[in-house]
All heavy atoms as atom14 arrays in JSON, in Angstrom:
{
  "sequence": "GLSAGYQFWKALLDRGIYVNLLLPPSTPDGEVVLRFSVSAAHT",
  "atom14_mask": [
    [1, 1, 1, 1, 0, 0, 0, 0, 0, 0, 0, 0, 0, 0],
    [1, 1, 1, 1, 1, 1, 1, 1, 0, 0, 0, 0, 0, 0],
    [1, 1, 1, 1, 1, 1, 0, 0, 0, 0, 0, 0, 0, 0],
    [1, 1, 1, 1, 1, 0, 0, 0, 0, 0, 0, 0, 0, 0],
    [1, 1, 1, 1, 0, 0, 0, 0, 0, 0, 0, 0, 0, 0],
    [1, 1, 1, 1, 1, 1, 1, 1, 1, 1, 1, 1, 0, 0],
    [1, 1, 1, 1, 1, 1, 1, 1, 1, 0, 0, 0, 0, 0],
    [1, 1, 1, 1, 1, 1, 1, 1, 1, 1, 1, 0, 0, 0],
    [1, 1, 1, 1, 1, 1, 1, 1, 1, 1, 1, 1, 1, 1],
    [1, 1, 1, 1, 1, 1, 1, 1, 1, 0, 0, 0, 0, 0],
    [1, 1, 1, 1, 1, 0, 0, 0, 0, 0, 0, 0, 0, 0],
    [1, 1, 1, 1, 1, 1, 1, 1, 0, 0, 0, 0, 0, 0],
    [1, 1, 1, 1, 1, 1, 1, 1, 0, 0, 0, 0, 0, 0],
    [1, 1, 1, 1, 1, 1, 1, 1, 0, 0, 0, 0, 0, 0],
    [1, 1, 1, 1, 1, 1, 1, 1, 1, 1, 1, 0, 0, 0],
    [1, 1, 1, 1, 0, 0, 0, 0, 0, 0, 0, 0, 0, 0],
    [1, 1, 1, 1, 1, 1, 1, 1, 0, 0, 0, 0, 0, 0],
    [1, 1, 1, 1, 1, 1, 1, 1, 1, 1, 1, 1, 0, 0],
    [1, 1, 1, 1, 1, 1, 1, 0, 0, 0, 0, 0, 0, 0],
    [1, 1, 1, 1, 1, 1, 1, 1, 0, 0, 0, 0, 0, 0],
    [1, 1, 1, 1, 1, 1, 1, 1, 0, 0, 0, 0, 0, 0],
    [1, 1, 1, 1, 1, 1, 1, 1, 0, 0, 0, 0, 0, 0],
    [1, 1, 1, 1, 1, 1, 1, 1, 0, 0, 0, 0, 0, 0],
    [1, 1, 1, 1, 1, 1, 1, 0, 0, 0, 0, 0, 0, 0],
    [1, 1, 1, 1, 1, 1, 1, 0, 0, 0, 0, 0, 0, 0],
    [1, 1, 1, 1, 1, 1, 0, 0, 0, 0, 0, 0, 0, 0],
    [1, 1, 1, 1, 1, 1, 1, 0, 0, 0, 0, 0, 0, 0],
    [1, 1, 1, 1, 1, 1, 1, 0, 0, 0, 0, 0, 0, 0],
    [1, 1, 1, 1, 1, 1, 1, 1, 0, 0, 0, 0, 0, 0],
    [1, 1, 1, 1, 0, 0, 0, 0, 0, 0, 0, 0, 0, 0],
    [1, 1, 1, 1, 1, 1, 1, 1, 1, 0, 0, 0, 0, 0],
    [1, 1, 1, 1, 1, 1, 1, 0, 0, 0, 0, 0, 0, 0],
    [1, 1, 1, 1, 1, 1, 1, 0, 0, 0, 0, 0, 0, 0],
    [1, 1, 1, 1, 1, 1, 1, 1, 0, 0, 0, 0, 0, 0],
    [1, 1, 1, 1, 1, 1, 1, 1, 1, 1, 1, 0, 0, 0],
    [1, 1, 1, 1, 1, 1, 1, 1, 1, 1, 1, 0, 0, 0],
    [1, 1, 1, 1, 1, 1, 0, 0, 0, 0, 0, 0, 0, 0],
    [1, 1, 1, 1, 1, 1, 1, 0, 0, 0, 0, 0, 0, 0],
    [1, 1, 1, 1, 1, 1, 0, 0, 0, 0, 0, 0, 0, 0],
    [1, 1, 1, 1, 1, 0, 0, 0, 0, 0, 0, 0, 0, 0],
    [1, 1, 1, 1, 1, 0, 0, 0, 0, 0, 0, 0, 0, 0],
    [1, 1, 1, 1, 1, 1, 1, 1, 1, 1, 0, 0, 0, 0],
    [1, 1, 1, 1, 1, 1, 1, 0, 0, 0, 0, 0, 0, 0]
  ],
  "atom14_positions": [
    [[0.8, -1.21, 0.0], [0.0, 0.0, 0.0], [0.83, 1.27, 0.0], [2.06, 1.25, 0.14], [0.0, 0.0, 0.0], [0.0, 0.0, 0.0], [0.0, 0.0, 0.0], [0.0, 0.0, 0.0], [0.0, 0.0, 0.0], [0.0, 0.0, 0.0], [0.0, 0.0, 0.0], [0.0, 0.0, 0.0], [0.0, 0.0, 0.0], [0.0, 0.0, 0.0]],
    [[0.13, 2.39, -0.14], [0.77, 3.69, -0.29], [1.56, 4.11, 0.94], [2.71, 4.55, 0.85], [-0.3, 4.74, -0.61], [0.17, 6.15, -0.93], [1.12, 6.15, -2.11], [-1.04, 7.03, -1.22], [0.0, 0.0, 0.0], [0.0, 0.0, 0.0], [0.0, 0.0, 0.0], [0.0, 0.0, 0.0], [0.0, 0.0, 0.0], [0.0, 0.0, 0.0]],
    [[0.97, 3.96, 2.11], [1.64, 4.39, 3.34], [2.91, 3.59, 3.58], [3.97, 4.15, 3.9], [0.68, 4.24, 4.53], [1.33, 4.59, 5.73], [0.0, 0.0, 0.0], [0.0, 0.0, 0.0], [0.0, 0.0, 0.0], [0.0, 0.0, 0.0], [0.0, 0.0, 0.0], [0.0, 0.0, 0.0], [0.0, 0.0, 0.0], [0.0, 0.0, 0.0]],
    [[2.84, 2.27, 3.41], [4.0, 1.41, 3.62], [5.1, 1.74, 2.63], [6.29, 1.79, 2.97], [3.6, -0.05, 3.51], [0.0, 0.0, 0.0], [0.0, 0.0, 0.0], [0.0, 0.0, 0.0], [0.0, 0.0, 0.0], [0.0, 0.0, 0.0], [0.0, 0.0, 0.0], [0.0, 0.0, 0.0], [0.0, 0.0, 0.0], [0.0, 0.0, 0.0]],
    [[4.69, 2.0, 1.39], [5.67, 2.33, 0.36], [6.39, 3.63, 0.66], [7.62, 3.73, 0.54], [0.0, 0.0, 0.0], [0.0, 0.0, 0.0], [0.0, 0.0, 0.0], [0.0, 0.0, 0.0], [0.0, 0.0, 0.0], [0.0, 0.0, 0.0], [0.0, 0.0, 0.0], [0.0, 0.0, 0.0], [0.0, 0.0, 0.0], [0.0, 0.0, 0.0]],
    [[5.61, 4.63, 1.08], [6.23, 5.93, 1.39], [7.18, 5.8, 2.57], [8.29, 6.34, 2.56], [5.16, 6.99, 1.68], [5.79, 8.3, 2.08], [6.27, 9.17, 1.11], [5.94, 8.65, 3.42], [6.88, 10.37, 1.46], [6.56, 9.84, 3.77], [7.02, 10.7, 2.79], [7.64, 11.88, 3.14], [0.0, 0.0, 0.0], [0.0, 0.0, 0.0]],
    [[6.77, 5.11, 3.62], [7.61, 4.98, 4.8], [8.93, 4.27, 4.47], [10.0, 4.69, 4.94], [6.87, 4.2, 5.89], [5.71, 4.96, 6.51], [5.01, 4.12, 7.57], [5.64, 3.66, 8.52], [3.71, 3.9, 7.39], [0.0, 0.0, 0.0], [0.0, 0.0, 0.0], [0.0, 0.0, 0.0], [0.0, 0.0, 0.0], [0.0, 0.0, 0.0]],
    [[8.88, 3.21, 3.69], [10.09, 2.49, 3.32], [10.99, 3.39, 2.48], [12.21, 3.48, 2.7], [9.73, 1.22, 2.55], [10.73, 0.11, 2.69], [10.38, -1.09, 3.28], [12.04, 0.25, 2.23], [11.3, -2.13, 3.42], [12.96, -0.77, 2.36], [12.59, -1.97, 2.96], [0.0, 0.0, 0.0], [0.0, 0.0, 0.0], [0.0, 0.0, 0.0]],
    [[10.4, 4.07, 1.5], [11.15, 4.96, 0.61], [11.83, 6.08, 1.4], [13.03, 6.35, 1.23], [10.2, 5.56, -0.43], [10.84, 6.62, -1.28], [11.57, 6.44, -2.42], [10.79, 8.03, -1.04], [12.0, 7.65, -2.89], [11.54, 8.64, -2.08], [10.2, 8.83, -0.07], [11.71, 10.02, -2.15], [10.37, 10.21, -0.14], [11.11, 10.79, -1.17]],
    [[11.07, 6.72, 2.31], [11.61, 7.85, 3.07], [12.7, 7.38, 4.04], [13.73, 8.05, 4.21], [10.48, 8.53, 3.86], [10.92, 9.75, 4.67], [11.43, 10.85, 3.76], [11.56, 12.19, 4.49], [12.48, 12.16, 5.64], [0.0, 0.0, 0.0], [0.0, 0.0, 0.0], [0.0, 0.0, 0.0], [0.0, 0.0, 0.0], [0.0, 0.0, 0.0]],
    [[12.51, 6.23, 4.65], [13.52, 5.71, 5.58], [14.82, 5.38, 4.85], [15.92, 5.61, 5.38], [12.99, 4.47, 6.3], [0.0, 0.0, 0.0], [0.0, 0.0, 0.0], [0.0, 0.0, 0.0], [0.0, 0.0, 0.0], [0.0, 0.0, 0.0], [0.0, 0.0, 0.0], [0.0, 0.0, 0.0], [0.0, 0.0, 0.0], [0.0, 0.0, 0.0]],
    [[14.72, 4.86, 3.63], [15.94, 4.63, 2.84], [16.62, 5.95, 2.5], [17.85, 6.07, 2.6], [15.59, 3.87, 1.55], [15.33, 2.37, 1.66], [14.93, 1.81, 0.3], [16.56, 1.63, 2.17], [0.0, 0.0, 0.0], [0.0, 0.0, 0.0], [0.0, 0.0, 0.0], [0.0, 0.0, 0.0], [0.0, 0.0, 0.0], [0.0, 0.0, 0.0]],
    [[15.83, 6.93, 2.09], [16.4, 8.23, 1.74], [17.1, 8.86, 2.95], [18.18, 9.46, 2.82], [15.31, 9.16, 1.21], [15.77, 10.52, 0.67], [16.7, 10.33, -0.53], [14.57, 11.37, 0.28], [0.0, 0.0, 0.0], [0.0, 0.0, 0.0], [0.0, 0.0, 0.0], [0.0, 0.0, 0.0], [0.0, 0.0, 0.0], [0.0, 0.0, 0.0]],
    [[16.5, 8.73, 4.12], [17.12, 9.26, 5.35], [18.46, 8.59, 5.62], [19.31, 9.16, 6.32], [16.19, 9.05, 6.55], [14.96, 9.94, 6.5], [14.98, 10.94, 5.75], [13.98, 9.62, 7.21], [0.0, 0.0, 0.0], [0.0, 0.0, 0.0], [0.0, 0.0, 0.0], [0.0, 0.0, 0.0], [0.0, 0.0, 0.0], [0.0, 0.0, 0.0]],
    [[18.66, 7.4, 5.09], [19.92, 6.67, 5.27], [20.84, 6.82, 4.07], [21.82, 6.09, 3.91], [19.63, 5.2, 5.56], [19.07, 4.97, 6.96], [18.32, 3.67, 7.08], [17.84, 3.46, 8.45], [16.79, 4.11, 8.99], [16.09, 4.97, 8.24], [16.43, 3.89, 10.25], [0.0, 0.0, 0.0], [0.0, 0.0, 0.0], [0.0, 0.0, 0.0]],
    [[20.51, 7.77, 3.2], [21.39, 8.07, 2.06], [21.26, 7.14, 0.88], [22.18, 7.04, 0.07], [0.0, 0.0, 0.0], [0.0, 0.0, 0.0], [0.0, 0.0, 0.0], [0.0, 0.0, 0.0], [0.0, 0.0, 0.0], [0.0, 0.0, 0.0], [0.0, 0.0, 0.0], [0.0, 0.0, 0.0], [0.0, 0.0, 0.0], [0.0, 0.0, 0.0]],
    [[20.1, 6.48, 0.75], [19.85, 5.58, -0.38], [18.61, 6.07, -1.12], [17.51, 6.08, -0.55], [19.64, 4.12, 0.06], [20.81, 3.63, 0.91], [19.42, 3.22, -1.15], [22.13, 3.53, 0.18], [0.0, 0.0, 0.0], [0.0, 0.0, 0.0], [0.0, 0.0, 0.0], [0.0, 0.0, 0.0], [0.0, 0.0, 0.0], [0.0, 0.0, 0.0]],
    [[18.77, 6.47, -2.37], [17.62, 6.93, -3.16], [17.17, 5.82, -4.11], [17.95, 5.3, -4.9], [17.96, 8.17, -3.98], [16.82, 8.58, -4.89], [15.79, 9.38, -4.4], [16.74, 8.13, -6.21], [14.72, 9.74, -5.22], [15.68, 8.47, -7.02], [14.67, 9.27, -6.52], [13.61, 9.61, -7.31], [0.0, 0.0, 0.0], [0.0, 0.0, 0.0]],
    [[15.89, 5.47, -4.01], [15.25, 4.56, -4.97], [13.99, 5.25, -5.46], [13.56, 6.27, -4.93], [14.91, 3.19, -4.33], [16.16, 2.51, -3.81], [13.88, 3.35, -3.22], [0.0, 0.0, 0.0], [0.0, 0.0, 0.0], [0.0, 0.0, 0.0], [0.0, 0.0, 0.0], [0.0, 0.0, 0.0], [0.0, 0.0, 0.0], [0.0, 0.0, 0.0]],
    [[13.37, 4.68, -6.48], [12.14, 5.24, -7.01], [10.92, 4.66, -6.3], [10.83, 3.43, -6.13], [12.0, 4.97, -8.51], [13.06, 5.66, -9.33], [13.84, 5.02, -10.02], [13.12, 6.97, -9.25], [0.0, 0.0, 0.0], [0.0, 0.0, 0.0], [0.0, 0.0, 0.0], [0.0, 0.0, 0.0], [0.0, 0.0, 0.0], [0.0, 0.0, 0.0]],
    [[10.01, 5.51, -5.87], [8.71, 5.08, -5.39], [7.73, 5.26, -6.54], [7.48, 6.38, -6.98], [8.28, 5.92, -4.18], [6.87, 5.65, -3.64], [6.71, 4.2, -3.19], [6.55, 6.61, -2.49], [0.0, 0.0, 0.0], [0.0, 0.0, 0.0], [0.0, 0.0, 0.0], [0.0, 0.0, 0.0], [0.0, 0.0, 0.0], [0.0, 0.0, 0.0]],
    [[7.21, 4.16, -7.05], [6.31, 4.2, -8.21], [4.88, 3.94, -7.75], [4.62, 3.0, -7.0], [6.74, 3.16, -9.24], [8.19, 3.26, -9.74], [8.45, 2.21, -10.8], [8.49, 4.65, -10.27], [0.0, 0.0, 0.0], [0.0, 0.0, 0.0], [0.0, 0.0, 0.0], [0.0, 0.0, 0.0], [0.0, 0.0, 0.0], [0.0, 0.0, 0.0]],
    [[3.98, 4.79, -8.24], [2.59, 4.76, -7.79], [1.64, 4.58, -8.96], [1.96, 4.93, -10.1], [2.26, 6.08, -7.08], [3.23, 6.55, -5.99], [2.88, 7.96, -5.55], [3.19, 5.59, -4.82], [0.0, 0.0, 0.0], [0.0, 0.0, 0.0], [0.0, 0.0, 0.0], [0.0, 0.0, 0.0], [0.0, 0.0, 0.0], [0.0, 0.0, 0.0]],
    [[0.43, 4.07, -8.69], [-0.6, 4.05, -9.73], [-0.9, 5.5, -10.16], [-0.77, 6.4, -9.35], [-1.81, 3.44, -9.02], [-1.24, 2.75, -7.81], [-0.04, 3.53, -7.41], [0.0, 0.0, 0.0], [0.0, 0.0, 0.0], [0.0, 0.0, 0.0], [0.0, 0.0, 0.0], [0.0, 0.0, 0.0], [0.0, 0.0, 0.0], [0.0, 0.0, 0.0]],
    [[-1.24, 5.75, -11.41], [-1.53, 4.76, -12.46], [-0.33, 4.34, -13.3], [-0.49, 3.71, -14.34], [-2.54, 5.52, -13.33], [-2.07, 6.95, -13.25], [-1.56, 7.13, -11.85], [0.0, 0.0, 0.0], [0.0, 0.0, 0.0], [0.0, 0.0, 0.0], [0.0, 0.0, 0.0], [0.0, 0.0, 0.0], [0.0, 0.0, 0.0], [0.0, 0.0, 0.0]],
    [[0.89, 4.71, -12.87], [2.07, 4.38, -13.67], [2.56, 2.96, -13.42], [3.56, 2.53, -14.01], [3.2, 5.37, -13.36], [3.6, 5.27, -12.01], [0.0, 0.0, 0.0], [0.0, 0.0, 0.0], [0.0, 0.0, 0.0], [0.0, 0.0, 0.0], [0.0, 0.0, 0.0], [0.0, 0.0, 0.0], [0.0, 0.0, 0.0], [0.0, 0.0, 0.0]],
    [[1.89, 2.2, -12.56], [2.3, 0.84, -12.25], [1.23, -0.16, -12.67], [0.04, 0.17, -12.69], [2.55, 0.68, -10.73], [1.38, 1.11, -10.03], [3.74, 1.52, -10.29], [0.0, 0.0, 0.0], [0.0, 0.0, 0.0], [0.0, 0.0, 0.0], [0.0, 0.0, 0.0], [0.0, 0.0, 0.0], [0.0, 0.0, 0.0], [0.0, 0.0, 0.0]],
    [[1.63, -1.39, -12.99], [0.63, -2.41, -13.36], [-0.24, -2.8, -12.17], [0.23, -2.88, -11.03], [1.5, -3.6, -13.81], [2.87, -3.06, -14.02], [3.0, -1.88, -13.11], [0.0, 0.0, 0.0], [0.0, 0.0, 0.0], [0.0, 0.0, 0.0], [0.0, 0.0, 0.0], [0.0, 0.0, 0.0], [0.0, 0.0, 0.0], [0.0, 0.0, 0.0]],
    [[-1.5, -3.03, -12.45], [-2.43, -3.6, -11.47], [-2.57, -2.76, -10.21], [-2.89, -3.28, -9.13], [-2.0, -5.03, -11.09], [-1.83, -5.93, -12.3], [-2.64, -5.8, -13.24], [-0.88, -6.73, -12.32], [0.0, 0.0, 0.0], [0.0, 0.0, 0.0], [0.0, 0.0, 0.0], [0.0, 0.0, 0.0], [0.0, 0.0, 0.0], [0.0, 0.0, 0.0]],
    [[-2.31, -1.46, -10.31], [-2.48, -0.57, -9.16], [-1.52, -0.79, -8.03], [-1.77, -0.4, -6.89], [0.0, 0.0, 0.0], [0.0, 0.0, 0.0], [0.0, 0.0, 0.0], [0.0, 0.0, 0.0], [0.0, 0.0, 0.0], [0.0, 0.0, 0.0], [0.0, 0.0, 0.0], [0.0, 0.0, 0.0], [0.0, 0.0, 0.0], [0.0, 0.0, 0.0]],
    [[-0.37, -1.4, -8.31], [0.6, -1.7, -7.26], [1.39, -0.46, -6.85], [1.58, 0.47, -7.62], [1.58, -2.78, -7.74], [0.94, -4.12, -8.01], [1.93, -5.1, -8.59], [2.93, -4.68, -9.2], [1.69, -6.31, -8.45], [0.0, 0.0, 0.0], [0.0, 0.0, 0.0], [0.0, 0.0, 0.0], [0.0, 0.0, 0.0], [0.0, 0.0, 0.0]],
    [[1.87, -0.47, -5.6], [2.85, 0.51, -5.12], [4.17, -0.24, -5.0], [4.25, -1.28, -4.34], [2.45, 1.09, -3.76], [3.55, 2.02, -3.23], [1.12, 1.84, -3.87], [0.0, 0.0, 0.0], [0.0, 0.0, 0.0], [0.0, 0.0, 0.0], [0.0, 0.0, 0.0], [0.0, 0.0, 0.0], [0.0, 0.0, 0.0], [0.0, 0.0, 0.0]],
    [[5.21, 0.25, -5.67], [6.47, -0.48, -5.7], [7.65, 0.45, -5.46], [7.6, 1.65, -5.75], [6.68, -1.23, -7.04], [5.54, -2.19, -7.33], [6.84, -0.24, -8.18], [0.0, 0.0, 0.0], [0.0, 0.0, 0.0], [0.0, 0.0, 0.0], [0.0, 0.0, 0.0], [0.0, 0.0, 0.0], [0.0, 0.0, 0.0], [0.0, 0.0, 0.0]],
    [[8.71, -0.13, -4.9], [10.01, 0.53, -4.85], [10.86, -0.08, -5.95], [10.92, -1.31, -6.09], [10.69, 0.3, -3.5], [10.04, 0.91, -2.26], [10.89, 0.61, -1.03], [9.88, 2.41, -2.42], [0.0, 0.0, 0.0], [0.0, 0.0, 0.0], [0.0, 0.0, 0.0], [0.0, 0.0, 0.0], [0.0, 0.0, 0.0], [0.0, 0.0, 0.0]],
    [[11.52, 0.77, -6.73], [12.35, 0.27, -7.83], [13.81, 0.64, -7.59], [14.16, 1.82, -7.49], [11.88, 0.84, -9.17], [12.66, 0.28, -10.36], [12.12, 0.8, -11.68], [12.34, 2.22, -11.83], [11.88, 2.95, -12.85], [11.15, 2.37, -13.79], [12.12, 4.24, -12.93], [0.0, 0.0, 0.0], [0.0, 0.0, 0.0], [0.0, 0.0, 0.0]],
    [[14.65, -0.39, -7.49], [16.09, -0.21, -7.41], [16.66, -0.33, -8.83], [16.45, -1.34, -9.49], [16.73, -1.31, -6.55], [16.46, -1.2, -5.08], [15.24, -1.56, -4.55], [17.46, -0.76, -4.22], [14.99, -1.5, -3.18], [17.23, -0.68, -2.85], [15.99, -1.05, -2.33], [0.0, 0.0, 0.0], [0.0, 0.0, 0.0], [0.0, 0.0, 0.0]],
    [[17.37, 0.68, -9.28], [18.08, 0.59, -10.56], [19.56, 0.39, -10.28], [20.16, 1.14, -9.52], [17.87, 1.87, -11.38], [16.51, 2.01, -11.74], [0.0, 0.0, 0.0], [0.0, 0.0, 0.0], [0.0, 0.0, 0.0], [0.0, 0.0, 0.0], [0.0, 0.0, 0.0], [0.0, 0.0, 0.0], [0.0, 0.0, 0.0], [0.0, 0.0, 0.0]],
    [[20.14, -0.63, -10.9], [21.53, -1.0, -10.65], [22.4, -0.49, -11.79], [21.98, -0.45, -12.95], [21.68, -2.52, -10.52], [23.09, -2.89, -10.07], [20.66, -3.08, -9.54], [0.0, 0.0, 0.0], [0.0, 0.0, 0.0], [0.0, 0.0, 0.0], [0.0, 0.0, 0.0], [0.0, 0.0, 0.0], [0.0, 0.0, 0.0], [0.0, 0.0, 0.0]],
    [[23.62, -0.1, -11.45], [24.56, 0.41, -12.45], [25.87, -0.35, -12.37], [26.28, -0.83, -11.3], [24.82, 1.91, -12.21], [25.84, 2.39, -13.07], [0.0, 0.0, 0.0], [0.0, 0.0, 0.0], [0.0, 0.0, 0.0], [0.0, 0.0, 0.0], [0.0, 0.0, 0.0], [0.0, 0.0, 0.0], [0.0, 0.0, 0.0], [0.0, 0.0, 0.0]],
    [[26.55, -0.42, -13.5], [27.91, -0.95, -13.51], [28.85, -0.08, -12.69], [29.91, -0.54, -12.25], [28.43, -1.04, -14.95], [0.0, 0.0, 0.0], [0.0, 0.0, 0.0], [0.0, 0.0, 0.0], [0.0, 0.0, 0.0], [0.0, 0.0, 0.0], [0.0, 0.0, 0.0], [0.0, 0.0, 0.0], [0.0, 0.0, 0.0], [0.0, 0.0, 0.0]],
    [[28.46, 1.18, -12.47], [29.3, 2.12, -11.73], [29.23, 1.92, -10.22], [30.06, 2.45, -9.48], [28.91, 3.56, -12.08], [0.0, 0.0, 0.0], [0.0, 0.0, 0.0], [0.0, 0.0, 0.0], [0.0, 0.0, 0.0], [0.0, 0.0, 0.0], [0.0, 0.0, 0.0], [0.0, 0.0, 0.0], [0.0, 0.0, 0.0], [0.0, 0.0, 0.0]],
    [[28.23, 1.18, -9.72], [28.19, 0.89, -8.3], [29.36, -0.01, -7.91], [29.71, -0.93, -8.64], [26.87, 0.18, -7.92], [25.69, 1.07, -7.89], [24.59, 0.9, -8.71], [25.41, 2.16, -7.12], [23.69, 1.83, -8.45], [24.16, 2.62, -7.5], [0.0, 0.0, 0.0], [0.0, 0.0, 0.0], [0.0, 0.0, 0.0], [0.0, 0.0, 0.0]],
    [[29.92, 0.25, -6.75], [30.97, -0.62, -6.22], [30.33, -1.71, -5.37], [29.19, -1.57, -4.89], [31.97, 0.16, -5.36], [31.29, 0.63, -4.17], [32.54, 1.35, -6.13], [0.0, 0.0, 0.0], [0.0, 0.0, 0.0], [0.0, 0.0, 0.0], [0.0, 0.0, 0.0], [0.0, 0.0, 0.0], [0.0, 0.0, 0.0], [0.0, 0.0, 0.0]]
  ]
}
């Protein structure tokens, strides 16, 4: 749900980790998701 997604996203950001919080209608089936994008540049 929305509240759980926001809390997880904000807590990660407070710890210096930025991920995407994706919300309906941009997500399939009305889901709330956190998206981690990985890079070759990460150590």
